[in-house]
C-alpha atoms as a PDB file:
ATOM      1  CA  UNK A   1     124.248  86.912 129.795  1.00  0.00           C
ATOM      2  CA  UNK A   2     124.972  83.870 131.919  1.00  0.00           C
ATOM      3  CA  UNK A   3     122.035  81.708 132.866  1.00  0.00           C
ATOM      4  CA  UNK A   4     122.771  82.214 136.563  1.00  0.00           C
ATOM      5  CA  UNK A   5     122.619  86.008 136.094  1.00  0.00           C
ATOM      6  CA  UNK A   6     119.274  85.715 134.295  1.00  0.00           C
ATOM      7  CA  UNK A   7     117.953  83.505 137.099  1.00  0.00           C
ATOM      8  CA  UNK A   8     119.200  85.953 139.753  1.00  0.00           C
ATOM      9  CA  UNK A   9     117.563  88.882 137.931  1.00  0.00           C
ATOM     10  CA  UNK A  10     114.281  86.980 137.508  1.00  0.00           C
ATOM     11  CA  UNK A  11     114.250  86.020 141.183  1.00  0.00           C
ATOM     12  CA  UNK A  12     114.799  89.615 142.191  1.00  0.00           C
ATOM     13  CA  UNK A  13     112.131  90.884 139.794  1.00  0.00           C
ATOM     14  CA  UNK A  14     109.715  88.127 140.834  1.00  0.00           C
ATOM     15  CA  UNK A  15     109.701  89.624 144.317  1.00  0.00           C
ATOM     16  CA  UNK A  16     110.541  93.294 143.839  1.00  0.00           C
ATOM     17  CA  UNK A  17     109.382  94.345 140.362  1.00  0.00           C
ATOM     18  CA  UNK A  18     106.179  95.858 139.129  1.00  0.00           C
ATOM     19  CA  UNK A  19     105.379  94.620 135.633  1.00  0.00           C
ATOM     20  CA  UNK A  20     102.609  96.776 134.261  1.00  0.00           C
ATOM     21  CA  UNK A  21     100.826  97.975 131.194  1.00  0.00           C
ATOM     22  CA  UNK A  22     101.212 101.745 131.309  1.00  0.00           C
ATOM     23  CA  UNK A  23      98.509 103.718 129.515  1.00  0.00           C
ATOM     24  CA  UNK A  24      99.324 107.173 128.259  1.00  0.00           C
ATOM     25  CA  UNK A  25      96.144 109.145 127.703  1.00  0.00           C
ATOM     26  CA  UNK A  26      95.928 112.041 125.272  1.00  0.00           C
ATOM     27  CA  UNK A  27      94.737 114.578 127.888  1.00  0.00           C
ATOM     28  CA  UNK A  28      96.656 117.873 127.978  1.00  0.00           C
ATOM     29  CA  UNK A  29      98.558 117.004 124.805  1.00  0.00           C
ATOM     30  CA  UNK A  30      97.300 119.070 121.888  1.00  0.00           C
ATOM     31  CA  UNK A  31      96.771 117.043 118.750  1.00  0.00           C
ATOM     32  CA  UNK A  32      96.880 113.642 120.451  1.00  0.00           C
ATOM     33  CA  UNK A  33      93.858 111.540 119.689  1.00  0.00           C
ATOM     34  CA  UNK A  34      94.524 108.065 121.043  1.00  0.00           C
ATOM     35  CA  UNK A  35      95.520 106.440 124.266  1.00  0.00           C
ATOM     36  CA  UNK A  36      98.773 104.546 123.796  1.00  0.00           C
ATOM     37  CA  UNK A  37     100.112 101.739 125.941  1.00  0.00           C
ATOM     38  CA  UNK A  38     103.481 100.191 126.674  1.00  0.00           C
ATOM     39  CA  UNK A  39     104.885  97.576 129.027  1.00  0.00           C
ATOM     40  CA  UNK A  40     106.894  98.922 131.946  1.00  0.00           C
ATOM     41  CA  UNK A  41     109.159  96.996 134.307  1.00  0.00           C
ATOM     42  CA  UNK A  42     110.068  98.825 137.510  1.00  0.00           C
ATOM     43  CA  UNK A  43     112.206  97.601 140.394  1.00  0.00           C
ATOM     44  CA  UNK A  44     112.303  99.667 143.568  1.00  0.00           C
ATOM     45  CA  UNK A  45     114.635  98.917 146.473  1.00  0.00           C
ATOM     46  CA  UNK A  46     116.511 100.706 149.222  1.00  0.00           C
ATOM     47  CA  UNK A  47     119.737  98.902 148.333  1.00  0.00           C
ATOM     48  CA  UNK A  48     121.347 101.050 145.638  1.00  0.00           C
ATOM     49  CA  UNK A  49     124.021  98.458 144.771  1.00  0.00           C
ATOM     50  CA  UNK A  50     121.445  95.809 143.885  1.00  0.00           C
ATOM     51  CA  UNK A  51     119.446  98.167 141.675  1.00  0.00           C
ATOM     52  CA  UNK A  52     122.593  99.376 139.896  1.00  0.00           C
ATOM     53  CA  UNK A  53     123.781  95.798 139.358  1.00  0.00           C
ATOM     54  CA  UNK A  54     120.471  94.934 137.728  1.00  0.00           C
ATOM     55  CA  UNK A  55     120.701  97.979 135.427  1.00  0.00           C
ATOM     56  CA  UNK A  56     124.315  97.130 134.495  1.00  0.00           C
ATOM     57  CA  UNK A  57     123.425  93.536 133.700  1.00  0.00           C
ATOM     58  CA  UNK A  58     120.926  94.585 131.045  1.00  0.00           C
ATOM     59  CA  UNK A  59     122.555  97.853 129.992  1.00  0.00           C
ATOM     60  CA  UNK A  60     119.225  99.671 129.649  1.00  0.00           C
ATOM     61  CA  UNK A  61     116.787 101.635 131.732  1.00  0.00           C
ATOM     62  CA  UNK A  62     116.743 104.641 133.983  1.00  0.00           C
ATOM     63  CA  UNK A  63     117.568 104.824 137.675  1.00  0.00           C
ATOM     64  CA  UNK A  64     115.846 107.455 139.776  1.00  0.00           C
ATOM     65  CA  UNK A  65     116.072 108.131 143.487  1.00  0.00           C
ATOM     66  CA  UNK A  66     113.019 108.823 145.597  1.00  0.00           C
ATOM     67  CA  UNK A  67     114.431 110.461 148.684  1.00  0.00           C
ATOM     68  CA  UNK A  68     113.343 109.401 152.149  1.00  0.00           C
ATOM     69  CA  UNK A  69     110.402 111.412 153.347  1.00  0.00           C
ATOM     70  CA  UNK A  70     110.966 110.851 157.036  1.00  0.00           C
ATOM     71  CA  UNK A  71     107.520 109.289 157.267  1.00  0.00           C
ATOM     72  CA  UNK A  72     106.993 105.834 158.702  1.00  0.00           C
ATOM     73  CA  UNK A  73     106.505 104.282 155.274  1.00  0.00           C
ATOM     74  CA  UNK A  74     109.739 105.559 153.750  1.00  0.00           C
ATOM     75  CA  UNK A  75     112.653 105.980 156.123  1.00  0.00           C
ATOM     76  CA  UNK A  76     115.340 105.324 153.483  1.00  0.00           C
ATOM     77  CA  UNK A  77     115.990 106.497 149.949  1.00  0.00           C
ATOM     78  CA  UNK A  78     114.310 104.314 147.330  1.00  0.00           C
ATOM     79  CA  UNK A  79     116.185 103.465 144.111  1.00  0.00           C
ATOM     80  CA  UNK A  80     113.935 102.854 141.116  1.00  0.00           C
ATOM     81  CA  UNK A  81     115.095 101.164 137.913  1.00  0.00           C
ATOM     82  CA  UNK A  82     112.617 101.492 135.077  1.00  0.00           C
ATOM     83  CA  UNK A  83     112.534 100.042 131.562  1.00  0.00           C
ATOM     84  CA  UNK A  84     109.771 100.508 128.986  1.00  0.00           C
ATOM     85  CA  UNK A  85     108.559  99.040 125.716  1.00  0.00           C
ATOM     86  CA  UNK A  86     110.808  96.916 123.523  1.00  0.00           C
ATOM     87  CA  UNK A  87     113.696  97.171 125.993  1.00  0.00           C
ATOM     88  CA  UNK A  88     111.422  95.679 128.657  1.00  0.00           C
ATOM     89  CA  UNK A  89     110.504  92.954 126.171  1.00  0.00           C
ATOM     90  CA  UNK A  90     114.146  91.924 125.800  1.00  0.00           C
ATOM     91  CA  UNK A  91     114.552  91.704 129.577  1.00  0.00           C
ATOM     92  CA  UNK A  92     111.374  89.669 130.023  1.00  0.00           C
ATOM     93  CA  UNK A  93     112.332  87.268 127.227  1.00  0.00           C
ATOM     94  CA  UNK A  94     115.736  86.627 128.817  1.00  0.00           C
ATOM     95  CA  UNK A  95     114.353  86.091 132.308  1.00  0.00           C
ATOM     96  CA  UNK A  96     111.000  84.431 131.475  1.00  0.00           C
ATOM     97  CA  UNK A  97     112.028  80.808 132.192  1.00  0.00           C
ATOM     98  CA  UNK A  98     113.026  81.730 135.751  1.00  0.00           C
ATOM     99  CA  UNK A  99     109.860  83.514 136.953  1.00  0.00           C
ATOM    100  CA  UNK A 100     107.480  81.829 139.366  1.00  0.00           C
ATOM    101  CA  UNK A 101     105.130  84.268 141.108  1.00  0.00           C
ATOM    102  CA  UNK A 102     104.851  86.656 138.165  1.00  0.00           C
ATOM    103  CA  UNK A 103     105.109  84.027 135.413  1.00  0.00           C
ATOM    104  CA  UNK A 104     101.575  84.664 134.092  1.00  0.00           C
ATOM    105  CA  UNK A 105     102.145  88.406 134.157  1.00  0.00           C
ATOM    106  CA  UNK A 106     105.377  88.029 132.164  1.00  0.00           C
ATOM    107  CA  UNK A 107     103.625  85.835 129.574  1.00  0.00           C
ATOM    108  CA  UNK A 108     100.810  88.388 129.284  1.00  0.00           C
ATOM    109  CA  UNK A 109     103.294  91.244 128.852  1.00  0.00           C
ATOM    110  CA  UNK A 110     105.093  89.363 126.084  1.00  0.00           C
ATOM    111  CA  UNK A 111     101.770  88.622 124.352  1.00  0.00           C
ATOM    112  CA  UNK A 112     100.906  92.333 124.485  1.00  0.00           C
ATOM    113  CA  UNK A 113     104.282  93.214 122.989  1.00  0.00           C
ATOM    114  CA  UNK A 114     103.468  91.065 119.947  1.00  0.00           C
ATOM    115  CA  UNK A 115     100.635  93.458 119.006  1.00  0.00           C
ATOM    116  CA  UNK A 116     101.341  95.847 116.123  1.00  0.00           C
ATOM    117  CA  UNK A 117     103.149  98.992 117.243  1.00  0.00           C
ATOM    118  CA  UNK A 118     101.141 102.177 116.734  1.00  0.00           C
ATOM    119  CA  UNK A 119     103.646 104.667 115.333  1.00  0.00           C
ATOM    120  CA  UNK A 120     101.415 107.596 114.414  1.00  0.00           C
ATOM    121  CA  UNK A 121     102.670 109.475 117.460  1.00  0.00           C
ATOM    122  CA  UNK A 122      99.114 109.984 118.655  1.00  0.00           C
ATOM    123  CA  UNK A 123      98.356 112.404 115.841  1.00  0.00           C
ATOM    124  CA  UNK A 124      96.109 109.930 114.037  1.00  0.00           C
ATOM    125  CA  UNK A 125      93.480 107.947 115.833  1.00  0.00           C
ATOM    126  CA  UNK A 126      94.501 104.398 116.669  1.00  0.00           C
ATOM    127  CA  UNK A 127      92.282 101.838 114.926  1.00  0.00           C
ATOM    128  CA  UNK A 128      89.317 100.886 117.097  1.00  0.00           C
ATOM    129  CA  UNK A 129      90.174  97.174 117.012  1.00  0.00           C
ATOM    130  CA  UNK A 130      93.698  97.852 118.319  1.00  0.00           C
ATOM    131  CA  UNK A 131      92.353 100.177 121.026  1.00  0.00           C
ATOM    132  CA  UNK A 132      89.969  97.425 122.115  1.00  0.00           C
ATOM    133  CA  UNK A 133      92.861  94.934 122.331  1.00  0.00           C
ATOM    134  CA  UNK A 134      94.865  97.386 124.450  1.00  0.00           C
ATOM    135  CA  UNK A 135      91.954  97.782 126.851  1.00  0.00           C
ATOM    136  CA  UNK A 136      91.411  94.002 127.076  1.00  0.00           C
ATOM    137  CA  UNK A 137      95.096  93.529 127.912  1.00  0.00           C
ATOM    138  CA  UNK A 138      94.826  96.253 130.559  1.00  0.00           C
ATOM    139  CA  UNK A 139      91.947  94.392 132.230  1.00  0.00           C
ATOM    140  CA  UNK A 140      93.927  91.138 132.169  1.00  0.00           C
ATOM    141  CA  UNK A 141      96.954  92.894 133.697  1.00  0.00           C
ATOM    142  CA  UNK A 142      94.832  94.330 136.474  1.00  0.00           C
ATOM    143  CA  UNK A 143      93.202  90.976 137.202  1.00  0.00           C
ATOM    144  CA  UNK A 144      96.600  89.275 137.527  1.00  0.00           C
ATOM    145  CA  UNK A 145      98.020  92.064 139.674  1.00  0.00           C
ATOM    146  CA  UNK A 146      95.041  92.034 142.025  1.00  0.00           C
ATOM    147  CA  UNK A 147      94.931  88.270 142.485  1.00  0.00           C
ATOM    148  CA  UNK A 148      98.719  87.786 142.432  1.00  0.00           C
ATOM    149  CA  UNK A 149      98.355  84.529 140.530  1.00  0.00           C
ATOM    150  CA  UNK A 150     101.292  82.138 140.624  1.00  0.00           C
ATOM    151  CA  UNK A 151     102.563  79.765 137.970  1.00  0.00           C
ATOM    152  CA  UNK A 152     100.097  76.881 137.414  1.00  0.00           C
END
């Protein structure tokens, strides 16, 4: 990917993306014992071409359409591009040098992605120490999202 493309994508995501730690709880899933977590990057815009360009640039993710509801808040269709887990990690690593507003959030997401991956499929309980780390990261994510901290 060209550096200018990475910078364009980072600029777009800096303003339009949600970078979050998504927790998947075991409720209503027989046999699941542990909450699992993964990083999610989601960009939502009314301009379909821009969202599709972003998806093409990285070659990963899912695009969904949230149709206009006719209400004041959503008069147009909303196009959502979503990438999770290790695929999100690749995108954040490529674009990291170009973030400004969400720079701390990107760094936190990449730190979380360095944790060991829990591959027991939820059938075995996640070690308590790893669960505690997941919850600490979740609190840090929330604090950054609430305060919208910029690059120092």
